[in-house]
């Protein structure tokens, strides 16, 4: 019998474990998997693009277990009261080919994305980082904010979105949680949000080449966490940032990042 996890089951699991502990365990599990990176059969995502979105399949296997994730990205959905991203996946036994688990992965994807950002910052950002600019204040930004607060010690969030209502909603949601020591600053521009920040996380949804961050905004030692460049032709950084002689550019899987990611500009 194939096990199934729906949205309710995933939510109950996170609530049972506790969000901070769940994120910490997720980061630890991902870190462990990266340390056995060579054991995984990897390929670039299979993507079907349209003018308004993308649908992708993401398969991998370590020789014992096989899995794939189906995920979409449709920025226009928010105007219709729908989620920008939804996902589900299957886990199977390689030896028999039998499926073991079918799971809803929309919430899991949101948690995994935030956990990946924290994992990268853990290895690449200054460990005394306390201030983060959060550019793009849609649904994913709340997961990023909570992950960096609980696991990376961020205590000031500097928010900016082209839609002031999105920033206001994010601030309300975070304020309701009464997180000790967290200061939230809503900024009038990207430049204002970035100025003085230790970490800059960009999670914008606009499906095009955009220049969210420009070279003159970048300060020495600043860690950039560019999340939103997730389809061909969609980027957030000015290419000269990537070409800086003092820049360390790190990607998860280069064949994929050459198609979808900031280094498609290089």
Protein backbone atom coordinates (compact mmCIF):
# COMPACT_ATOMS: atom_id res chain seq x y z
CA UNK A 1 0.00 0.00 0.00
CA UNK A 2 1.35 3.42 -0.96
CA UNK A 3 1.48 5.98 1.83
CA UNK A 4 0.01 9.42 1.16
CA UNK A 5 0.71 12.78 2.80
CA UNK A 6 -1.63 15.65 2.04
CA UNK A 7 -1.43 19.30 3.03
CA UNK A 8 -3.10 18.59 6.38
CA UNK A 9 -0.61 15.84 7.24
CA UNK A 10 2.41 18.00 6.38
CA UNK A 11 1.04 20.92 8.39
CA UNK A 12 0.34 18.68 11.39
CA UNK A 13 3.86 17.24 11.22
CA UNK A 14 5.44 20.70 11.24
CA UNK A 15 3.21 21.78 14.12
CA UNK A 16 4.02 18.62 16.09
CA UNK A 17 7.78 19.01 15.68
CA UNK A 18 7.75 22.82 15.91
CA UNK A 19 8.72 25.11 13.05
CA UNK A 20 12.20 26.02 14.31
CA UNK A 21 13.10 22.41 15.10
CA UNK A 22 11.61 21.20 11.80
CA UNK A 23 13.69 23.72 9.84
CA UNK A 24 16.82 22.80 11.77
CA UNK A 25 16.34 19.09 11.07
CA UNK A 26 15.64 19.87 7.42
CA UNK A 27 18.85 21.90 7.11
CA UNK A 28 20.83 19.10 8.78
CA UNK A 29 19.34 16.47 6.43
CA UNK A 30 20.11 18.58 3.37
CA UNK A 31 23.66 19.23 4.58
CA UNK A 32 24.13 15.48 5.01
CA UNK A 33 22.88 14.81 1.48
CA UNK A 34 25.20 17.43 -0.02
CA UNK A 35 28.10 15.62 1.65
CA UNK A 36 27.23 12.54 -0.44
CA UNK A 37 26.50 14.57 -3.58
CA UNK A 38 28.37 12.16 -5.87
CA UNK A 39 25.98 9.32 -4.95
CA UNK A 40 23.00 11.02 -6.60
CA UNK A 41 21.96 10.55 -10.21
CA UNK A 42 21.30 14.16 -11.22
CA UNK A 43 19.92 15.91 -14.28
CA UNK A 44 18.64 19.35 -15.14
CA UNK A 45 14.93 19.82 -14.55
CA UNK A 46 12.57 18.92 -17.38
CA UNK A 47 10.62 22.12 -17.93
CA UNK A 48 7.66 23.12 -20.07
CA UNK A 49 7.48 26.89 -20.40
CA UNK A 50 4.61 29.11 -21.45
CA UNK A 51 4.36 32.89 -21.66
CA UNK A 52 2.71 32.94 -18.22
CA UNK A 53 4.48 30.21 -16.27
CA UNK A 54 6.41 26.99 -16.08
CA UNK A 55 5.73 23.36 -15.13
CA UNK A 56 8.73 21.22 -14.20
CA UNK A 57 9.65 17.66 -13.28
CA UNK A 58 12.65 17.18 -10.99
CA UNK A 59 13.89 13.56 -10.73
CA UNK A 60 16.82 12.12 -8.76
CA UNK A 61 18.01 8.85 -7.24
CA UNK A 62 20.76 7.66 -4.91
CA UNK A 63 20.59 4.10 -6.25
CA UNK A 64 18.31 2.93 -3.44
CA UNK A 65 15.45 5.40 -3.57
CA UNK A 66 14.06 7.29 -6.55
CA UNK A 67 11.93 10.41 -6.36
CA UNK A 68 10.55 13.16 -8.49
CA UNK A 69 8.82 16.44 -7.80
CA UNK A 70 6.25 18.13 -10.00
CA UNK A 71 6.29 21.88 -9.46
CA UNK A 72 4.85 24.90 -11.24
CA UNK A 73 5.57 28.61 -11.17
CA UNK A 74 2.80 30.98 -12.29
CA UNK A 75 3.23 34.54 -10.92
CA UNK A 76 -0.14 35.64 -12.33
CA UNK A 77 -1.96 33.22 -10.02
CA UNK A 78 -1.95 35.60 -7.08
CA UNK A 79 -4.26 37.98 -8.94
CA UNK A 80 -6.77 35.12 -9.13
CA UNK A 81 -6.46 34.12 -5.49
CA UNK A 82 -4.27 31.11 -6.32
CA UNK A 83 -0.78 30.10 -5.21
CA UNK A 84 2.18 30.99 -7.42
CA UNK A 85 3.81 27.63 -6.68
CA UNK A 86 2.24 24.21 -6.09
CA UNK A 87 3.96 20.84 -5.97
CA UNK A 88 3.63 17.13 -5.32
CA UNK A 89 6.05 14.22 -5.48
CA UNK A 90 6.58 10.46 -5.45
CA UNK A 91 9.18 8.39 -3.57
CA UNK A 92 9.90 4.87 -4.89
CA UNK A 93 12.08 1.84 -4.20
CA UNK A 94 14.72 1.41 -6.92
CA UNK A 95 15.03 -2.38 -6.57
CA UNK A 96 11.33 -3.09 -7.08
CA UNK A 97 10.12 0.09 -8.75
CA UNK A 98 7.28 0.19 -6.25
CA UNK A 99 6.10 3.63 -5.12
CA UNK A 100 6.42 4.10 -1.36
CA UNK A 101 5.00 7.57 -0.83
CA UNK A 102 2.92 10.14 -2.68
CA UNK A 103 3.13 13.52 -1.02
CA UNK A 104 1.81 17.03 -1.41
CA UNK A 105 4.94 19.19 -1.60
CA UNK A 106 3.72 22.78 -1.79
CA UNK A 107 4.40 23.52 1.88
CA UNK A 108 7.46 21.27 1.81
CA UNK A 109 8.85 23.21 -1.17
CA UNK A 110 8.41 26.49 0.69
CA UNK A 111 10.22 25.08 3.73
CA UNK A 112 12.96 23.48 1.65
CA UNK A 113 13.63 26.72 -0.26
CA UNK A 114 14.05 28.66 2.97
CA UNK A 115 16.18 25.89 4.49
CA UNK A 116 18.47 25.92 1.44
CA UNK A 117 18.96 29.66 1.83
CA UNK A 118 19.95 29.20 5.47
CA UNK A 119 22.27 26.30 4.62
CA UNK A 120 24.05 28.46 2.05
CA UNK A 121 24.32 31.36 4.50
CA UNK A 122 25.63 29.04 7.20
CA UNK A 123 28.60 28.16 5.01
CA UNK A 124 29.07 31.45 3.13
CA UNK A 125 27.81 34.42 5.17
CA UNK A 126 29.55 36.07 8.11
CA UNK A 127 28.42 34.24 11.22
CA UNK A 128 27.85 37.53 13.07
CA UNK A 129 25.25 38.59 10.48
CA UNK A 130 22.20 40.09 12.19
CA UNK A 131 20.55 42.24 9.49
CA UNK A 132 18.90 40.93 6.33
CA UNK A 133 17.27 42.78 3.45
CA UNK A 134 14.31 40.84 2.07
CA UNK A 135 13.44 41.97 -1.46
CA UNK A 136 10.15 40.55 -2.72
CA UNK A 137 7.61 40.05 0.05
CA UNK A 138 5.30 37.35 -1.28
CA UNK A 139 4.53 33.99 0.34
CA UNK A 140 8.12 32.65 0.26
CA UNK A 141 9.45 35.70 2.07
CA UNK A 142 7.74 34.68 5.32
CA UNK A 143 9.47 31.29 5.27
CA UNK A 144 12.80 33.00 4.55
CA UNK A 145 12.28 35.45 7.41
CA UNK A 146 11.42 32.73 9.92
CA UNK A 147 14.24 30.43 8.85
CA UNK A 148 16.86 33.17 9.11
CA UNK A 149 15.46 34.37 12.45
CA UNK A 150 15.45 30.93 14.06
CA UNK A 151 18.59 29.41 12.52
CA UNK A 152 20.91 32.23 11.46
CA UNK A 153 20.37 34.80 14.20
CA UNK A 154 18.86 37.53 12.03
CA UNK A 155 17.28 40.17 14.26
CA UNK A 156 16.54 43.00 11.82
CA UNK A 157 14.57 42.51 8.61
CA UNK A 158 14.56 45.29 6.04
CA UNK A 159 11.60 44.77 3.69
CA UNK A 160 10.90 46.02 0.19
CA UNK A 161 8.38 45.04 -2.46
CA UNK A 162 7.04 46.94 -5.46
CA UNK A 163 3.64 46.21 -3.90
CA UNK A 164 3.56 47.98 -0.50
CA UNK A 165 0.61 45.80 0.46
CA UNK A 166 2.81 42.70 0.29
CA UNK A 167 5.32 44.24 2.71
CA UNK A 168 2.51 45.31 5.04
CA UNK A 169 1.06 41.78 5.03
CA UNK A 170 4.46 40.22 5.75
CA UNK A 171 5.04 42.65 8.61
CA UNK A 172 1.60 41.86 10.09
CA UNK A 173 2.16 38.11 9.87
CA UNK A 174 5.57 38.29 11.52
CA UNK A 175 4.39 40.74 14.20
CA UNK A 176 1.59 38.36 15.21
CA UNK A 177 4.20 35.72 16.04
CA UNK A 178 5.77 38.00 18.69
CA UNK A 179 9.31 36.87 17.92
CA UNK A 180 11.61 38.20 20.67
CA UNK A 181 14.13 40.78 19.51
CA UNK A 182 12.98 40.94 15.89
CA UNK A 183 12.92 44.42 14.37
CA UNK A 184 11.06 44.92 11.09
CA UNK A 185 11.80 47.94 8.89
CA UNK A 186 9.68 48.65 5.81
CA UNK A 187 11.79 50.46 3.22
CA UNK A 188 10.86 52.73 0.33
CA UNK A 189 13.38 51.29 -2.16
CA UNK A 190 15.68 48.37 -2.81
CA UNK A 191 18.67 50.62 -2.16
CA UNK A 192 17.34 51.64 1.25
CA UNK A 193 16.64 48.03 2.21
CA UNK A 194 20.07 46.80 1.13
CA UNK A 195 22.10 49.61 2.72
CA UNK A 196 23.95 48.25 5.76
CA UNK A 197 22.52 44.73 5.49
CA UNK A 198 24.73 41.71 6.17
CA UNK A 199 22.61 39.38 4.03
CA UNK A 200 20.42 40.26 1.06
CA UNK A 201 17.75 37.76 0.00
CA UNK A 202 15.88 38.36 -3.25
CA UNK A 203 12.67 36.36 -3.79
CA UNK A 204 10.89 38.21 -6.56
CA UNK A 205 8.31 36.59 -8.85
CA UNK A 206 8.46 38.73 -12.02
CA UNK A 207 9.12 36.34 -14.94
CA UNK A 208 11.80 38.33 -16.77
CA UNK A 209 15.37 39.55 -16.60
CA UNK A 210 15.26 42.13 -13.84
CA UNK A 211 17.97 44.16 -12.18
CA UNK A 212 16.94 44.07 -8.54
CA UNK A 213 20.47 44.52 -7.23
CA UNK A 214 23.04 46.77 -8.89
CA UNK A 215 26.82 46.76 -8.34
CA UNK A 216 26.86 50.04 -6.42
CA UNK A 217 24.51 48.56 -3.79
CA UNK A 218 26.89 45.76 -2.83
CA UNK A 219 29.07 46.29 0.25
CA UNK A 220 32.20 44.32 1.24
CA UNK A 221 31.36 41.03 2.97
CA UNK A 222 27.69 41.13 2.00
CA UNK A 223 26.11 37.73 1.33
CA UNK A 224 23.64 37.66 -1.58
CA UNK A 225 21.00 34.97 -1.58
CA UNK A 226 19.40 35.19 -5.05
CA UNK A 227 16.39 32.87 -4.96
CA UNK A 228 14.08 34.25 -7.64
CA UNK A 229 16.06 33.48 -10.82
CA UNK A 230 14.17 30.24 -11.36
CA UNK A 231 13.44 30.06 -15.09
CA UNK A 232 15.19 30.97 -18.37
CA UNK A 233 15.36 34.71 -18.85
CA UNK A 234 14.50 35.43 -15.20
CA UNK A 235 17.28 36.95 -13.12
CA UNK A 236 17.62 39.41 -10.24
CA UNK A 237 21.27 40.49 -10.21
CA UNK A 238 23.09 42.87 -12.52
CA UNK A 239 25.65 40.70 -14.37
CA UNK A 240 28.52 42.94 -13.23
CA UNK A 241 27.90 41.73 -9.66
CA UNK A 242 28.73 38.20 -10.79
CA UNK A 243 31.84 39.40 -12.61
CA UNK A 244 33.37 41.19 -9.62
CA UNK A 245 36.90 40.00 -8.89
CA UNK A 246 36.05 39.61 -5.19
CA UNK A 247 32.78 37.71 -5.77
CA UNK A 248 32.44 34.04 -4.87
CA UNK A 249 29.58 32.70 -7.00
CA UNK A 250 28.15 29.42 -5.70
CA UNK A 251 25.39 27.43 -7.42
CA UNK A 252 23.69 24.18 -6.48
CA UNK A 253 24.01 22.27 -9.77
CA UNK A 254 25.75 24.05 -12.63
CA UNK A 255 24.01 22.32 -15.59
CA UNK A 256 20.68 23.41 -14.12
CA UNK A 257 21.85 26.87 -13.08
CA UNK A 258 23.10 27.60 -16.60
CA UNK A 259 19.47 27.25 -17.73
CA UNK A 260 17.66 28.71 -14.73
CA UNK A 261 19.68 30.89 -12.39
CA UNK A 262 21.84 33.97 -12.23
CA UNK A 263 24.77 32.36 -14.07
CA UNK A 264 22.71 32.13 -17.27
CA UNK A 265 24.06 35.70 -17.63
CA UNK A 266 27.71 34.54 -17.56
